[in-house]
Amino acid sequence: MEEKKYEITYIIRPDIEESAKSALIERFDKILTDNGAKVLSSKDWSKRRFAYEIGGFNEGTYHVVTLTTDSDASLNEFDRLSKINGDILRHMIVVRDD
C-alpha cells in the first residue's frame, strides 16, 4: 500500500487540566507512531464553542494531527481507543490530497 497523508482532528474536554491534556496528546501521538505512522505535526487549534452540547459540554479544545502512513493499523487503533476515552469528545480522520 502506498503512503498517504492523513489529518486527525479531535476535541478534548474543556475542563481537563493542562498536564493531563499534554499527557493525553502524547499518548495518542505515541499510539500512532507505535503502529507505523509518522507524525508530521501535532498542535492545538483553539478552544471553540459548539453549535450544540456534546457530552454535557458547550465548548472544547480542538487538536489537529497531520501524519503519513502506509497501513490502516495506526488509524484503526487511534479510532478504537479514542472512542473509549472519556477525555476525547469527538474525532475525525480524513485523507489529505496535498
Protein backbone atom coordinates (compact mmCIF):
# COMPACT_ATOMS: atom_id res chain seq x y z
CA MET A 1 0.00 0.00 0.00
CA GLU A 2 1.35 3.46 -0.84
CA GLU A 3 1.95 6.05 1.87
CA LYS A 4 -0.89 8.55 2.30
CA LYS A 5 -1.19 11.77 4.25
CA TYR A 6 -3.94 11.98 6.86
CA GLU A 7 -5.30 14.62 9.21
CA ILE A 8 -6.93 13.72 12.52
CA THR A 9 -8.94 16.36 14.35
CA TYR A 10 -10.17 15.56 17.82
CA ILE A 11 -11.95 17.54 20.52
CA ILE A 12 -10.66 17.39 24.09
CA ARG A 13 -12.87 18.13 27.11
CA PRO A 14 -12.58 21.78 28.17
CA ASP A 15 -12.28 21.04 31.92
CA ILE A 16 -9.18 18.83 31.67
CA GLU A 17 -6.03 20.05 33.45
CA GLU A 18 -3.15 21.24 31.24
CA SER A 19 -0.83 18.45 32.43
CA ALA A 20 -3.48 15.79 31.79
CA LYS A 21 -4.16 17.26 28.34
CA SER A 22 -0.45 17.13 27.46
CA ALA A 23 -0.27 13.50 28.63
CA LEU A 24 -3.36 12.64 26.56
CA ILE A 25 -1.90 14.21 23.40
CA GLU A 26 1.45 12.50 23.98
CA ARG A 27 -0.29 9.13 24.50
CA PHE A 28 -2.33 9.35 21.31
CA ASP A 29 0.66 10.57 19.25
CA LYS A 30 2.57 7.55 20.58
CA ILE A 31 -0.28 5.20 19.61
CA LEU A 32 0.06 6.45 16.04
CA THR A 33 3.87 6.15 15.89
CA ASP A 34 3.91 2.74 17.62
CA ASN A 35 1.60 1.42 14.89
CA GLY A 36 3.71 2.61 11.95
CA ALA A 37 2.59 6.20 11.31
CA LYS A 38 4.92 9.18 11.06
CA VAL A 39 3.51 12.24 12.88
CA LEU A 40 4.35 15.40 10.90
CA SER A 41 2.66 17.86 13.27
CA SER A 42 0.50 17.73 16.39
CA LYS A 43 -0.85 21.01 17.69
CA ASP A 44 -3.82 22.63 19.41
CA TRP A 45 -6.04 24.56 17.05
CA SER A 46 -8.18 26.50 19.52
CA LYS A 47 -10.88 26.28 22.16
CA ARG A 48 -14.25 26.73 20.46
CA ARG A 49 -17.92 26.84 21.36
CA PHE A 50 -20.08 24.05 19.94
CA ALA A 51 -23.27 24.59 17.96
CA TYR A 52 -24.89 22.03 20.25
CA GLU A 53 -23.97 20.31 23.51
CA ILE A 54 -21.61 17.31 23.27
CA GLY A 55 -21.30 15.07 26.32
CA GLY A 56 -22.59 17.81 28.61
CA PHE A 57 -20.10 20.42 27.32
CA ASN A 58 -20.70 23.59 25.29
CA GLU A 59 -17.04 24.02 24.23
CA GLY A 60 -13.87 22.01 23.74
CA THR A 61 -10.23 22.22 22.67
CA TYR A 62 -9.63 21.18 19.07
CA HIS A 63 -6.34 19.35 18.40
CA VAL A 64 -5.05 18.60 14.88
CA VAL A 65 -2.56 15.87 13.98
CA THR A 66 -1.05 15.55 10.49
CA LEU A 67 0.57 12.21 9.70
CA THR A 68 1.66 9.83 6.95
CA THR A 69 1.23 6.06 6.96
CA ASP A 70 1.14 3.18 4.52
CA SER A 71 -1.23 0.98 6.53
CA ASP A 72 -4.52 1.38 8.36
CA ALA A 73 -3.24 -0.17 11.62
CA SER A 74 -2.38 3.14 13.31
CA LEU A 75 -5.64 4.79 12.23
CA ASN A 76 -7.74 1.83 13.38
CA GLU A 77 -6.02 1.76 16.78
CA PHE A 78 -6.43 5.54 17.21
CA ASP A 79 -10.11 5.26 16.26
CA ARG A 80 -10.72 2.35 18.65
CA LEU A 81 -9.00 3.95 21.66
CA SER A 82 -10.40 7.45 21.15
CA LYS A 83 -13.95 6.06 21.17
CA ILE A 84 -13.48 4.62 24.66
CA ASN A 85 -11.51 7.55 26.11
CA GLY A 86 -13.74 9.90 28.12
CA ASP A 87 -11.46 12.91 27.57
CA ILE A 88 -11.95 12.89 23.77
CA LEU A 89 -15.45 14.07 22.90
CA ARG A 90 -15.29 13.60 19.10
CA HIS A 91 -12.71 12.77 16.45
CA MET A 92 -12.49 12.74 12.66
CA ILE A 93 -9.90 11.16 10.34
CA VAL A 94 -9.58 12.46 6.76
CA VAL A 95 -7.20 11.78 3.86
CA ARG A 96 -5.25 14.87 2.72
CA ASP A 97 -4.73 15.37 -1.03
CA ASP A 98 -1.78 17.73 -0.82
